[in-house]
């Protein structure tokens, strides 16, 4: 199981939007308005459990415990945990 690194940035775009609609009397009304849209960009890249253990300075006992938790015998447990996050 890994932790994720992310970078976040945003960008705003201003544009003129033209809308056409009826006025209820059979006439088409054209309306222009200025809209500013902000887009959020998120880039996520993962880290391995070993990278995170090193980053957090795990000692040998903690590394042994982490290795045990990540062993195949716990695969079903982790699958159930991840499946029930929603």
C-alpha atoms as a PDB file:
ATOM      1  CA  UNK A   1       0.000   0.000   0.000  1.00  0.00           C
ATOM      2  CA  UNK A   2       1.409   3.352  -0.928  1.00  0.00           C
ATOM      3  CA  UNK A   3       0.823   6.907  -0.120  1.00  0.00           C
ATOM      4  CA  UNK A   4       0.273   9.481  -2.827  1.00  0.00           C
ATOM      5  CA  UNK A   5       2.099  12.661  -3.660  1.00  0.00           C
ATOM      6  CA  UNK A   6       0.073  15.336  -5.302  1.00  0.00           C
ATOM      7  CA  UNK A   7       0.488  18.696  -6.893  1.00  0.00           C
ATOM      8  CA  UNK A   8      -2.405  21.057  -7.366  1.00  0.00           C
ATOM      9  CA  UNK A   9      -2.730  24.040  -9.659  1.00  0.00           C
ATOM     10  CA  UNK A  10      -5.582  25.941 -11.191  1.00  0.00           C
ATOM     11  CA  UNK A  11      -6.242  28.007 -14.251  1.00  0.00           C
ATOM     12  CA  UNK A  12      -8.965  30.568 -14.890  1.00  0.00           C
ATOM     13  CA  UNK A  13     -10.342  31.168 -18.365  1.00  0.00           C
ATOM     14  CA  UNK A  14     -12.644  34.072 -19.197  1.00  0.00           C
ATOM     15  CA  UNK A  15     -14.779  33.727 -22.306  1.00  0.00           C
ATOM     16  CA  UNK A  16     -17.827  35.291 -23.908  1.00  0.00           C
ATOM     17  CA  UNK A  17     -20.744  32.883 -24.135  1.00  0.00           C
ATOM     18  CA  UNK A  18     -23.571  33.468 -26.594  1.00  0.00           C
ATOM     19  CA  UNK A  19     -26.970  32.047 -25.701  1.00  0.00           C
ATOM     20  CA  UNK A  20     -30.030  31.960 -27.909  1.00  0.00           C
ATOM     21  CA  UNK A  21     -33.509  31.552 -26.512  1.00  0.00           C
ATOM     22  CA  UNK A  22     -37.080  32.383 -27.307  1.00  0.00           C
ATOM     23  CA  UNK A  23     -38.837  35.392 -25.822  1.00  0.00           C
ATOM     24  CA  UNK A  24     -42.220  33.685 -25.680  1.00  0.00           C
ATOM     25  CA  UNK A  25     -43.523  35.625 -28.664  1.00  0.00           C
ATOM     26  CA  UNK A  26     -41.764  33.663 -31.413  1.00  0.00           C
ATOM     27  CA  UNK A  27     -38.673  35.839 -31.456  1.00  0.00           C
ATOM     28  CA  UNK A  28     -35.140  34.581 -30.922  1.00  0.00           C
ATOM     29  CA  UNK A  29     -33.195  36.566 -28.371  1.00  0.00           C
ATOM     30  CA  UNK A  30     -29.400  36.429 -28.410  1.00  0.00           C
ATOM     31  CA  UNK A  31     -27.663  37.134 -25.133  1.00  0.00           C
ATOM     32  CA  UNK A  32     -23.928  37.440 -24.593  1.00  0.00           C
ATOM     33  CA  UNK A  33     -22.394  37.138 -21.189  1.00  0.00           C
ATOM     34  CA  UNK A  34     -18.877  36.848 -19.867  1.00  0.00           C
ATOM     35  CA  UNK A  35     -18.101  33.734 -17.871  1.00  0.00           C
ATOM     36  CA  UNK A  36     -14.981  32.908 -15.939  1.00  0.00           C
ATOM     37  CA  UNK A  37     -14.353  29.230 -15.461  1.00  0.00           C
ATOM     38  CA  UNK A  38     -11.749  27.935 -13.082  1.00  0.00           C
ATOM     39  CA  UNK A  39     -10.201  24.543 -13.750  1.00  0.00           C
ATOM     40  CA  UNK A  40      -8.475  22.607 -11.002  1.00  0.00           C
ATOM     41  CA  UNK A  41      -5.706  20.240 -12.037  1.00  0.00           C
ATOM     42  CA  UNK A  42      -4.549  17.596  -9.577  1.00  0.00           C
ATOM     43  CA  UNK A  43      -1.592  15.363 -10.334  1.00  0.00           C
ATOM     44  CA  UNK A  44      -1.230  12.338  -8.084  1.00  0.00           C
ATOM     45  CA  UNK A  45       1.712   9.978  -8.063  1.00  0.00           C
ATOM     46  CA  UNK A  46       2.100   7.131  -5.620  1.00  0.00           C
ATOM     47  CA  UNK A  47       4.812   6.147  -3.192  1.00  0.00           C
ATOM     48  CA  UNK A  48       5.519   2.603  -2.122  1.00  0.00           C
ATOM     49  CA  UNK A  49       5.205   1.431   1.458  1.00  0.00           C
ATOM     50  CA  UNK A  50       9.000   1.199   1.642  1.00  0.00           C
ATOM     51  CA  UNK A  51       9.377   4.803   0.463  1.00  0.00           C
ATOM     52  CA  UNK A  52       6.906   5.968   3.091  1.00  0.00           C
ATOM     53  CA  UNK A  53       8.551   3.909   5.835  1.00  0.00           C
ATOM     54  CA  UNK A  54      11.852   5.534   4.972  1.00  0.00           C
ATOM     55  CA  UNK A  55      10.276   9.012   4.845  1.00  0.00           C
ATOM     56  CA  UNK A  56       8.726   8.498   8.296  1.00  0.00           C
ATOM     57  CA  UNK A  57      11.880   6.965   9.725  1.00  0.00           C
ATOM     58  CA  UNK A  58      10.469   3.541  10.644  1.00  0.00           C
ATOM     59  CA  UNK A  59      12.691   1.493  12.942  1.00  0.00           C
ATOM     60  CA  UNK A  60      13.348  -2.230  12.352  1.00  0.00           C
ATOM     61  CA  UNK A  61      10.395  -3.361  14.467  1.00  0.00           C
ATOM     62  CA  UNK A  62       8.025  -1.065  12.578  1.00  0.00           C
ATOM     63  CA  UNK A  63       9.407  -2.283   9.225  1.00  0.00           C
ATOM     64  CA  UNK A  64       8.837  -5.894  10.330  1.00  0.00           C
ATOM     65  CA  UNK A  65       5.253  -5.078  11.346  1.00  0.00           C
ATOM     66  CA  UNK A  66       4.658  -3.289   8.037  1.00  0.00           C
ATOM     67  CA  UNK A  67       6.024  -6.257   6.084  1.00  0.00           C
ATOM     68  CA  UNK A  68       3.683  -8.569   7.982  1.00  0.00           C
ATOM     69  CA  UNK A  69       0.648  -6.352   7.323  1.00  0.00           C
ATOM     70  CA  UNK A  70       1.529  -6.266   3.621  1.00  0.00           C
ATOM     71  CA  UNK A  71       2.060 -10.025   3.364  1.00  0.00           C
ATOM     72  CA  UNK A  72      -0.310 -12.205   1.317  1.00  0.00           C
ATOM     73  CA  UNK A  73      -2.051 -13.507   4.435  1.00  0.00           C
ATOM     74  CA  UNK A  74      -3.690 -10.070   4.853  1.00  0.00           C
ATOM     75  CA  UNK A  75      -4.684  -9.547   1.189  1.00  0.00           C
ATOM     76  CA  UNK A  76      -8.344 -10.392   1.870  1.00  0.00           C
ATOM     77  CA  UNK A  77      -8.442  -7.988   4.801  1.00  0.00           C
ATOM     78  CA  UNK A  78      -7.029  -5.108   2.736  1.00  0.00           C
ATOM     79  CA  UNK A  79      -9.363  -5.888  -0.159  1.00  0.00           C
ATOM     80  CA  UNK A  80     -12.342  -5.723   2.230  1.00  0.00           C
ATOM     81  CA  UNK A  81     -11.108  -2.442   3.718  1.00  0.00           C
ATOM     82  CA  UNK A  82     -10.624  -0.852   0.304  1.00  0.00           C
ATOM     83  CA  UNK A  83     -13.924  -2.184  -1.021  1.00  0.00           C
ATOM     84  CA  UNK A  84     -15.834  -0.652   1.902  1.00  0.00           C
ATOM     85  CA  UNK A  85     -14.377   2.851   1.594  1.00  0.00           C
ATOM     86  CA  UNK A  86     -17.283   4.021  -0.567  1.00  0.00           C
END
